Amino acid sequence: MFGLNRKKHAHEPCYTYDEGWTIEAFTCSDCGQSHLSAVCFVLEHGAAKAIARLGHYGHQLYDEVYFEISFGDFSEDNTAWTGNVTFMVRLGYIDEKVGEAFSLCDPPHPAEPDSIFGTTLTREQGLQDNHIDDLWRIVDFIVLSPEYHGFVEQATDRQSAHDNKD
């Protein structure tokens, strides 16, 4: 996992994106600054597997990317979104010893009630959830994709332009 070069086996997932990424600016309710977000739909063997929402937060010393990865039944028949769950993953600076790393974290804000994203899991709930292995596989797929690198580059360029205005 996480970019290791190894042979794929027949039982390993085959992920693709359903259409392209939607990237747009948003204003953070906590800091009031404008950042970029992205939404993508991940398919496994052509079937809906997850919805990923990413938020890039540029800071003076380091950047953070938050990944909200939702699993469940996204069909139009499941209007109550029962059984759907969302994990929160942070990519960012941990400390001097670790540097940057991925970590499962508590969500700063829960998903809206009755939304397609279902129940927003705490870190502890996420560690116990049966989607945890799929979560890390999908995070791996996303961060190794050219779409992700384009998103981060666009967000970093945007942040640099903002910082140079100050």
N, C-alpha and C. Protein backbone atom coordinates (compact mmCIF):
# COMPACT_ATOMS: atom_id res chain seq x y z
N MET A 1 0.82 -1.18 0.00
CA MET A 1 0.00 0.00 0.00
C MET A 1 0.87 1.25 0.00
N PHE A 2 0.27 2.40 -0.22
CA PHE A 2 0.92 3.70 -0.26
C PHE A 2 2.07 3.74 -1.22
N GLY A 3 1.79 3.31 -2.45
CA GLY A 3 2.73 3.50 -3.54
C GLY A 3 3.80 2.45 -3.69
N LEU A 4 3.72 1.39 -2.94
CA LEU A 4 4.70 0.33 -3.11
C LEU A 4 4.51 -0.33 -4.46
N ASN A 5 5.60 -0.56 -5.15
CA ASN A 5 5.51 -1.24 -6.44
C ASN A 5 5.39 -2.74 -6.18
N ARG A 6 4.23 -3.27 -6.45
CA ARG A 6 4.03 -4.70 -6.28
C ARG A 6 3.03 -5.15 -7.30
N LYS A 7 3.05 -6.43 -7.59
CA LYS A 7 2.14 -6.97 -8.59
C LYS A 7 0.72 -6.99 -8.05
N LYS A 8 -0.22 -6.68 -8.93
CA LYS A 8 -1.63 -6.76 -8.55
C LYS A 8 -2.09 -8.21 -8.66
N HIS A 9 -2.92 -8.59 -7.74
CA HIS A 9 -3.51 -9.92 -7.75
C HIS A 9 -4.97 -9.79 -8.17
N ALA A 10 -5.53 -10.85 -8.64
CA ALA A 10 -6.90 -10.83 -9.16
C ALA A 10 -7.91 -10.34 -8.11
N HIS A 11 -7.65 -10.57 -6.83
CA HIS A 11 -8.61 -10.19 -5.79
C HIS A 11 -8.44 -8.74 -5.33
N GLU A 12 -7.43 -8.04 -5.82
CA GLU A 12 -7.23 -6.65 -5.41
C GLU A 12 -8.21 -5.74 -6.13
N PRO A 13 -8.61 -4.66 -5.46
CA PRO A 13 -9.56 -3.75 -6.09
C PRO A 13 -8.98 -3.06 -7.32
N CYS A 14 -9.86 -2.73 -8.23
CA CYS A 14 -9.49 -1.99 -9.43
C CYS A 14 -10.30 -0.70 -9.40
N TYR A 15 -9.68 0.39 -8.95
CA TYR A 15 -10.38 1.66 -8.78
C TYR A 15 -10.22 2.55 -10.00
N THR A 16 -11.27 3.31 -10.29
CA THR A 16 -11.26 4.35 -11.31
C THR A 16 -12.13 5.48 -10.78
N TYR A 17 -12.09 6.62 -11.48
CA TYR A 17 -12.97 7.73 -11.14
C TYR A 17 -14.17 7.71 -12.07
N ASP A 18 -15.32 8.06 -11.53
CA ASP A 18 -16.52 8.26 -12.34
C ASP A 18 -16.51 9.71 -12.77
N GLU A 19 -16.21 9.93 -14.04
CA GLU A 19 -16.07 11.27 -14.61
C GLU A 19 -14.88 11.96 -13.96
N GLY A 20 -14.84 13.28 -14.01
CA GLY A 20 -13.69 14.02 -13.48
C GLY A 20 -13.92 14.51 -12.07
N TRP A 21 -12.96 15.25 -11.60
CA TRP A 21 -13.05 15.87 -10.29
C TRP A 21 -13.75 17.21 -10.40
N THR A 22 -14.51 17.57 -9.39
CA THR A 22 -15.10 18.90 -9.30
C THR A 22 -14.27 19.67 -8.29
N ILE A 23 -13.64 20.76 -8.74
CA ILE A 23 -12.78 21.57 -7.88
C ILE A 23 -13.36 22.97 -7.79
N GLU A 24 -13.47 23.48 -6.56
CA GLU A 24 -13.99 24.83 -6.38
C GLU A 24 -13.45 25.45 -5.10
N ALA A 25 -13.52 26.76 -5.05
CA ALA A 25 -13.08 27.49 -3.87
C ALA A 25 -14.18 27.47 -2.81
N PHE A 26 -13.77 27.50 -1.56
CA PHE A 26 -14.72 27.61 -0.46
C PHE A 26 -14.09 28.47 0.63
N THR A 27 -14.92 29.05 1.47
CA THR A 27 -14.43 29.84 2.59
C THR A 27 -14.55 29.00 3.85
N CYS A 28 -13.44 28.84 4.54
CA CYS A 28 -13.41 28.05 5.77
C CYS A 28 -14.19 28.77 6.86
N SER A 29 -15.11 28.05 7.49
CA SER A 29 -15.93 28.65 8.55
C SER A 29 -15.13 28.90 9.82
N ASP A 30 -13.98 28.22 9.95
CA ASP A 30 -13.15 28.42 11.15
C ASP A 30 -12.18 29.59 11.01
N CYS A 31 -11.47 29.66 9.86
CA CYS A 31 -10.43 30.69 9.71
C CYS A 31 -10.84 31.85 8.81
N GLY A 32 -11.94 31.69 8.05
CA GLY A 32 -12.41 32.75 7.18
C GLY A 32 -11.64 32.90 5.88
N GLN A 33 -10.63 32.06 5.65
CA GLN A 33 -9.83 32.15 4.43
C GLN A 33 -10.44 31.29 3.32
N SER A 34 -10.09 31.63 2.09
CA SER A 34 -10.55 30.88 0.92
C SER A 34 -9.55 29.75 0.63
N HIS A 35 -10.09 28.56 0.41
CA HIS A 35 -9.28 27.38 0.11
C HIS A 35 -9.93 26.64 -1.05
N LEU A 36 -9.28 25.57 -1.52
CA LEU A 36 -9.85 24.75 -2.58
C LEU A 36 -10.38 23.44 -2.03
N SER A 37 -11.48 22.99 -2.63
CA SER A 37 -12.02 21.68 -2.31
C SER A 37 -12.20 20.90 -3.60
N ALA A 38 -12.28 19.60 -3.46
CA ALA A 38 -12.51 18.72 -4.62
C ALA A 38 -13.46 17.61 -4.21
N VAL A 39 -14.24 17.16 -5.17
CA VAL A 39 -15.12 16.01 -4.96
C VAL A 39 -14.88 15.05 -6.11
N CYS A 40 -14.75 13.78 -5.78
CA CYS A 40 -14.62 12.75 -6.81
C CYS A 40 -15.38 11.50 -6.37
N PHE A 41 -15.82 10.76 -7.36
CA PHE A 41 -16.55 9.52 -7.11
C PHE A 41 -15.64 8.37 -7.52
N VAL A 42 -15.41 7.45 -6.60
CA VAL A 42 -14.51 6.33 -6.83
C VAL A 42 -15.33 5.08 -7.13
N LEU A 43 -14.98 4.44 -8.23
CA LEU A 43 -15.62 3.19 -8.64
C LEU A 43 -14.67 2.03 -8.39
N GLU A 44 -15.24 0.88 -8.06
CA GLU A 44 -14.47 -0.35 -7.96
C GLU A 44 -15.06 -1.32 -8.98
N HIS A 45 -14.23 -1.70 -9.96
CA HIS A 45 -14.70 -2.55 -11.05
C HIS A 45 -15.97 -1.99 -11.68
N GLY A 46 -16.04 -0.66 -11.82
CA GLY A 46 -17.15 0.00 -12.48
C GLY A 46 -18.36 0.30 -11.62
N ALA A 47 -18.38 -0.16 -10.37
CA ALA A 47 -19.52 0.08 -9.47
C ALA A 47 -19.14 1.12 -8.42
N ALA A 48 -20.12 1.91 -7.98
CA ALA A 48 -19.88 2.96 -6.97
C ALA A 48 -19.27 2.35 -5.71
N LYS A 49 -18.14 2.90 -5.28
CA LYS A 49 -17.48 2.42 -4.08
C LYS A 49 -17.44 3.49 -2.99
N ALA A 50 -17.09 4.73 -3.36
CA ALA A 50 -16.94 5.77 -2.35
C ALA A 50 -17.08 7.15 -2.99
N ILE A 51 -17.41 8.11 -2.14
CA ILE A 51 -17.38 9.52 -2.51
C ILE A 51 -16.25 10.14 -1.69
N ALA A 52 -15.37 10.86 -2.36
CA ALA A 52 -14.26 11.51 -1.65
C ALA A 52 -14.40 13.02 -1.79
N ARG A 53 -14.34 13.69 -0.66
CA ARG A 53 -14.32 15.16 -0.63
C ARG A 53 -13.00 15.56 0.01
N LEU A 54 -12.28 16.42 -0.66
CA LEU A 54 -10.97 16.85 -0.17
C LEU A 54 -10.98 18.35 0.05
N GLY A 55 -10.30 18.78 1.09
CA GLY A 55 -10.13 20.21 1.35
C GLY A 55 -8.66 20.49 1.56
N HIS A 56 -8.11 21.42 0.78
CA HIS A 56 -6.69 21.80 0.90
C HIS A 56 -6.62 23.10 1.69
N TYR A 57 -5.84 23.07 2.76
CA TYR A 57 -5.67 24.23 3.61
C TYR A 57 -4.20 24.63 3.59
N GLY A 58 -3.91 25.77 3.00
CA GLY A 58 -2.53 26.26 2.96
C GLY A 58 -2.23 27.09 4.18
N HIS A 59 -1.14 26.76 4.84
CA HIS A 59 -0.69 27.51 6.00
C HIS A 59 0.70 28.05 5.70
N GLN A 60 1.17 28.99 6.47
CA GLN A 60 2.47 29.60 6.19
C GLN A 60 3.60 28.58 6.31
N LEU A 61 3.53 27.68 7.25
CA LEU A 61 4.62 26.73 7.45
C LEU A 61 4.38 25.38 6.77
N TYR A 62 3.14 25.00 6.59
CA TYR A 62 2.83 23.69 6.02
C TYR A 62 1.41 23.68 5.46
N ASP A 63 1.14 22.71 4.62
CA ASP A 63 -0.20 22.52 4.07
C ASP A 63 -0.85 21.32 4.72
N GLU A 64 -2.17 21.31 4.71
CA GLU A 64 -2.94 20.17 5.16
C GLU A 64 -3.96 19.84 4.09
N VAL A 65 -4.24 18.56 3.94
CA VAL A 65 -5.35 18.12 3.10
C VAL A 65 -6.21 17.20 3.95
N TYR A 66 -7.48 17.55 4.03
CA TYR A 66 -8.44 16.70 4.72
C TYR A 66 -9.22 15.91 3.68
N PHE A 67 -9.34 14.62 3.92
CA PHE A 67 -10.08 13.71 3.05
C PHE A 67 -11.32 13.25 3.82
N GLU A 68 -12.49 13.46 3.27
CA GLU A 68 -13.71 12.88 3.81
C GLU A 68 -14.11 11.79 2.82
N ILE A 69 -14.00 10.55 3.26
CA ILE A 69 -14.28 9.41 2.39
C ILE A 69 -15.55 8.73 2.90
N SER A 70 -16.55 8.67 2.02
CA SER A 70 -17.85 8.10 2.38
C SER A 70 -18.06 6.77 1.68
N PHE A 71 -18.57 5.81 2.43
CA PHE A 71 -18.90 4.48 1.91
C PHE A 71 -20.38 4.21 2.15
N GLY A 72 -20.96 3.39 1.29
CA GLY A 72 -22.33 2.97 1.53
C GLY A 72 -23.09 2.75 0.24
N ASP A 73 -24.38 2.81 0.37
CA ASP A 73 -25.30 2.63 -0.75
C ASP A 73 -25.69 4.02 -1.24
N PHE A 74 -25.17 4.41 -2.40
CA PHE A 74 -25.43 5.74 -2.95
C PHE A 74 -26.55 5.73 -3.99
N SER A 75 -27.30 4.64 -4.03
CA SER A 75 -28.37 4.54 -5.04
C SER A 75 -29.52 5.48 -4.69
N GLU A 76 -30.29 5.82 -5.71
CA GLU A 76 -31.44 6.69 -5.52
C GLU A 76 -32.52 6.02 -4.66
N ASP A 77 -32.47 4.70 -4.55
CA ASP A 77 -33.45 3.98 -3.73
C ASP A 77 -33.20 4.14 -2.24
N ASN A 78 -31.98 4.46 -1.87
CA ASN A 78 -31.60 4.59 -0.46
C ASN A 78 -31.70 6.06 -0.03
N THR A 79 -32.90 6.60 -0.01
CA THR A 79 -33.08 8.02 0.30
C THR A 79 -32.80 8.35 1.76
N ALA A 80 -32.84 7.38 2.64
CA ALA A 80 -32.53 7.65 4.05
C ALA A 80 -31.03 7.57 4.32
N TRP A 81 -30.27 7.07 3.33
CA TRP A 81 -28.81 6.92 3.42
C TRP A 81 -28.40 6.09 4.63
N THR A 82 -29.27 5.16 5.03
CA THR A 82 -28.96 4.31 6.17
C THR A 82 -27.76 3.43 5.84
N GLY A 83 -26.89 3.28 6.78
CA GLY A 83 -25.71 2.45 6.61
C GLY A 83 -24.52 3.17 6.01
N ASN A 84 -24.70 4.38 5.47
CA ASN A 84 -23.57 5.12 4.91
C ASN A 84 -22.74 5.72 6.04
N VAL A 85 -21.42 5.69 5.85
CA VAL A 85 -20.50 6.23 6.86
C VAL A 85 -19.43 7.08 6.18
N THR A 86 -18.92 8.04 6.93
CA THR A 86 -17.85 8.91 6.43
C THR A 86 -16.70 8.92 7.41
N PHE A 87 -15.49 8.72 6.86
CA PHE A 87 -14.24 8.80 7.62
C PHE A 87 -13.59 10.14 7.34
N MET A 88 -12.84 10.65 8.30
CA MET A 88 -12.05 11.85 8.11
C MET A 88 -10.57 11.47 8.25
N VAL A 89 -9.78 11.80 7.20
CA VAL A 89 -8.35 11.53 7.19
C VAL A 89 -7.63 12.84 6.96
N ARG A 90 -6.57 13.07 7.69
CA ARG A 90 -5.78 14.28 7.55
C ARG A 90 -4.39 13.93 7.05
N LEU A 91 -3.92 14.67 6.04
CA LEU A 91 -2.53 14.60 5.60
C LEU A 91 -1.92 15.93 6.00
N GLY A 92 -0.97 15.87 6.91
CA GLY A 92 -0.36 17.12 7.36
C GLY A 92 0.77 16.87 8.33
N TYR A 93 1.33 17.97 8.78
CA TYR A 93 2.47 17.94 9.69
C TYR A 93 2.03 17.40 11.04
N ILE A 94 2.77 16.41 11.54
CA ILE A 94 2.47 15.83 12.85
C ILE A 94 3.39 16.45 13.91
N ASP A 95 4.68 16.25 13.74
CA ASP A 95 5.67 16.85 14.62
C ASP A 95 7.04 16.74 13.98
N GLU A 96 8.08 17.22 14.68
CA GLU A 96 9.43 17.23 14.11
C GLU A 96 9.95 15.82 13.83
N LYS A 97 9.57 14.88 14.65
CA LYS A 97 10.03 13.50 14.50
C LYS A 97 9.39 12.80 13.31
N VAL A 98 8.08 12.96 13.16
CA VAL A 98 7.32 12.25 12.15
C VAL A 98 7.30 13.02 10.82
N GLY A 99 7.22 14.33 10.89
CA GLY A 99 7.03 15.12 9.66
C GLY A 99 5.59 15.05 9.23
N GLU A 100 5.36 14.92 7.91
CA GLU A 100 4.00 14.80 7.40
C GLU A 100 3.57 13.34 7.40
N ALA A 101 2.30 13.13 7.67
CA ALA A 101 1.77 11.77 7.68
C ALA A 101 0.25 11.81 7.50
N PHE A 102 -0.30 10.66 7.18
CA PHE A 102 -1.75 10.49 7.13
C PHE A 102 -2.21 10.04 8.51
N SER A 103 -3.35 10.57 8.95
CA SER A 103 -3.90 10.11 10.21
C SER A 103 -5.42 10.13 10.14
N LEU A 104 -6.03 9.12 10.70
CA LEU A 104 -7.47 9.09 10.85
C LEU A 104 -7.79 10.05 11.98
N CYS A 105 -8.77 10.92 11.80
CA CYS A 105 -9.02 11.93 12.83
C CYS A 105 -10.51 12.12 13.05
N ASP A 106 -10.82 12.81 14.13
CA ASP A 106 -12.20 13.18 14.41
C ASP A 106 -12.59 14.30 13.45
N PRO A 107 -13.83 14.29 12.98
CA PRO A 107 -14.26 15.35 12.07
C PRO A 107 -14.45 16.66 12.83
N PRO A 108 -14.04 17.78 12.20
CA PRO A 108 -14.27 19.06 12.86
C PRO A 108 -15.75 19.43 12.88
N HIS A 109 -16.49 18.96 11.85
CA HIS A 109 -17.93 19.23 11.75
C HIS A 109 -18.60 17.96 11.24
N PRO A 110 -19.68 17.51 11.89
CA PRO A 110 -20.38 16.33 11.38
C PRO A 110 -21.12 16.64 10.08
N ALA A 111 -21.37 15.59 9.30
CA ALA A 111 -22.16 15.75 8.07
C ALA A 111 -23.57 16.19 8.44
N GLU A 112 -24.22 16.84 7.50
CA GLU A 112 -25.59 17.27 7.74
C GLU A 112 -26.45 16.03 7.98
N PRO A 113 -27.43 16.13 8.87
CA PRO A 113 -28.34 14.98 9.09
C PRO A 113 -29.05 14.62 7.79
N ASP A 114 -29.30 13.35 7.61
CA ASP A 114 -30.02 12.84 6.44
C ASP A 114 -29.31 13.16 5.13
N SER A 115 -27.99 13.22 5.15
CA SER A 115 -27.26 13.46 3.91
C SER A 115 -26.74 12.14 3.34
N ILE A 116 -26.34 12.18 2.09
CA ILE A 116 -25.82 11.00 1.41
C ILE A 116 -24.58 10.45 2.12
N PHE A 117 -23.91 11.30 2.91
CA PHE A 117 -22.67 10.90 3.56
C PHE A 117 -22.90 10.08 4.82
N GLY A 118 -24.14 9.98 5.27
CA GLY A 118 -24.47 9.12 6.41
C GLY A 118 -23.87 9.60 7.71
N THR A 119 -23.45 8.67 8.53
CA THR A 119 -22.89 8.96 9.84
C THR A 119 -21.42 9.32 9.71
N THR A 120 -21.04 10.44 10.29
CA THR A 120 -19.63 10.82 10.33
C THR A 120 -19.00 10.13 11.53
N LEU A 121 -18.00 9.30 11.26
CA LEU A 121 -17.37 8.51 12.31
C LEU A 121 -16.29 9.30 13.05
N THR A 122 -16.19 9.07 14.35
CA THR A 122 -15.06 9.59 15.10
C THR A 122 -13.85 8.73 14.74
N ARG A 123 -12.69 9.13 15.18
CA ARG A 123 -11.48 8.35 14.94
C ARG A 123 -11.64 6.94 15.51
N GLU A 124 -12.09 6.85 16.74
CA GLU A 124 -12.24 5.54 17.40
C GLU A 124 -13.26 4.67 16.69
N GLN A 125 -14.38 5.25 16.28
CA GLN A 125 -15.38 4.48 15.54
C GLN A 125 -14.80 4.00 14.20
N GLY A 126 -14.05 4.87 13.53
CA GLY A 126 -13.45 4.52 12.26
C GLY A 126 -12.48 3.36 12.36
N LEU A 127 -11.70 3.34 13.43
CA LEU A 127 -10.74 2.25 13.61
C LEU A 127 -11.44 0.90 13.75
N GLN A 128 -12.67 0.90 14.24
CA GLN A 128 -13.43 -0.33 14.43
C GLN A 128 -14.33 -0.68 13.25
N ASP A 129 -14.51 0.25 12.30
CA ASP A 129 -15.46 0.04 11.21
C ASP A 129 -14.91 -0.95 10.18
N ASN A 130 -15.82 -1.70 9.57
CA ASN A 130 -15.40 -2.73 8.60
C ASN A 130 -14.92 -2.15 7.27
N HIS A 131 -15.02 -0.85 7.05
CA HIS A 131 -14.52 -0.22 5.83
C HIS A 131 -13.08 0.30 5.97
N ILE A 132 -12.45 0.08 7.10
CA ILE A 132 -11.15 0.70 7.36
C ILE A 132 -10.09 0.29 6.33
N ASP A 133 -10.05 -0.96 5.93
CA ASP A 133 -9.07 -1.39 4.92
C ASP A 133 -9.35 -0.74 3.56
N ASP A 134 -10.64 -0.68 3.19
CA ASP A 134 -11.01 0.00 1.95
C ASP A 134 -10.64 1.47 2.00
N LEU A 135 -10.79 2.09 3.15
CA LEU A 135 -10.44 3.50 3.30
C LEU A 135 -9.00 3.75 2.89
N TRP A 136 -8.07 2.98 3.45
CA TRP A 136 -6.65 3.22 3.17
C TRP A 136 -6.31 2.87 1.72
N ARG A 137 -6.98 1.88 1.15
CA ARG A 137 -6.76 1.57 -0.27
C ARG A 137 -7.21 2.73 -1.16
N ILE A 138 -8.33 3.33 -0.83
CA ILE A 138 -8.84 4.44 -1.63
C ILE A 138 -7.99 5.69 -1.43
N VAL A 139 -7.56 5.96 -0.22
CA VAL A 139 -6.65 7.09 0.00
C VAL A 139 -5.38 6.89 -0.82
N ASP A 140 -4.85 5.69 -0.83
CA ASP A 140 -3.67 5.36 -1.62
C ASP A 140 -3.92 5.61 -3.10
N PHE A 141 -5.06 5.13 -3.60
CA PHE A 141 -5.42 5.33 -5.01
C PHE A 141 -5.49 6.83 -5.33
N ILE A 142 -6.12 7.60 -4.48
CA ILE A 142 -6.29 9.03 -4.73
C ILE A 142 -4.95 9.75 -4.76
N VAL A 143 -4.12 9.56 -3.74
CA VAL A 143 -2.88 10.35 -3.66
C VAL A 143 -1.86 9.95 -4.72
N LEU A 144 -2.01 8.80 -5.34
CA LEU A 144 -1.11 8.41 -6.41
C LEU A 144 -1.62 8.82 -7.79
N SER A 145 -2.80 9.41 -7.83
CA SER A 145 -3.40 9.76 -9.13
C SER A 145 -2.93 11.13 -9.62
N PRO A 146 -2.86 11.31 -10.93
CA PRO A 146 -2.52 12.62 -11.49
C PRO A 146 -3.55 13.68 -11.12
N GLU A 147 -4.80 13.30 -10.95
CA GLU A 147 -5.84 14.25 -10.57
C GLU A 147 -5.55 14.88 -9.21
N TYR A 148 -5.10 14.06 -8.28
CA TYR A 148 -4.76 14.58 -6.94
C TYR A 148 -3.58 15.54 -7.03
N HIS A 149 -2.56 15.15 -7.77
CA HIS A 149 -1.38 16.02 -7.89
C HIS A 149 -1.73 17.34 -8.55
N GLY A 150 -2.63 17.31 -9.55
CA GLY A 150 -3.11 18.53 -10.17
C GLY A 150 -3.88 19.40 -9.20
N PHE A 151 -4.71 18.77 -8.36
CA PHE A 151 -5.48 19.50 -7.34
C PHE A 151 -4.55 20.19 -6.36
N VAL A 152 -3.56 19.47 -5.84
CA VAL A 152 -2.62 20.05 -4.87
C VAL A 152 -1.81 21.17 -5.52
N GLU A 153 -1.38 20.97 -6.75
CA GLU A 153 -0.61 22.01 -7.44
C GLU A 153 -1.46 23.27 -7.63
N GLN A 154 -2.70 23.07 -8.04
CA GLN A 154 -3.61 24.21 -8.23
C GLN A 154 -3.84 24.94 -6.90
N ALA A 155 -4.05 24.19 -5.83
CA ALA A 155 -4.27 24.79 -4.51
C ALA A 155 -3.03 25.52 -4.01
N THR A 156 -1.86 24.93 -4.22
CA THR A 156 -0.61 25.54 -3.78
C THR A 156 -0.33 26.81 -4.56
N ASP A 157 -0.53 26.78 -5.88
CA ASP A 157 -0.34 27.98 -6.70
C ASP A 157 -1.29 29.08 -6.26
N ARG A 158 -2.51 28.71 -5.99
CA ARG A 158 -3.51 29.69 -5.55
C ARG A 158 -3.11 30.29 -4.21
N GLN A 159 -2.64 29.45 -3.30
CA GLN A 159 -2.22 29.93 -1.98
C GLN A 159 -1.00 30.84 -2.11
N SER A 160 -0.05 30.48 -2.98
CA SER A 160 1.14 31.31 -3.19
C SER A 160 0.76 32.68 -3.73
N ALA A 161 -0.18 32.72 -4.67
CA ALA A 161 -0.63 33.99 -5.23
C ALA A 161 -1.29 34.84 -4.14
N HIS A 162 -2.06 34.20 -3.27
CA HIS A 162 -2.72 34.91 -2.16
C HIS A 162 -1.67 35.44 -1.19
N ASP A 163 -0.67 34.61 -0.85
CA ASP A 163 0.36 35.03 0.10
C ASP A 163 1.21 36.17 -0.45
N ASN A 164 1.44 36.18 -1.76
CA ASN A 164 2.25 37.24 -2.37
C ASN A 164 1.52 38.58 -2.43
N LYS A 165 0.17 38.56 -2.29
CA LYS A 165 -0.58 39.81 -2.27
C LYS A 165 -0.44 40.51 -0.93
N ASP A 166 -0.17 39.74 0.11
CA ASP A 166 -0.09 40.31 1.46
C ASP A 166 1.16 41.11 1.69
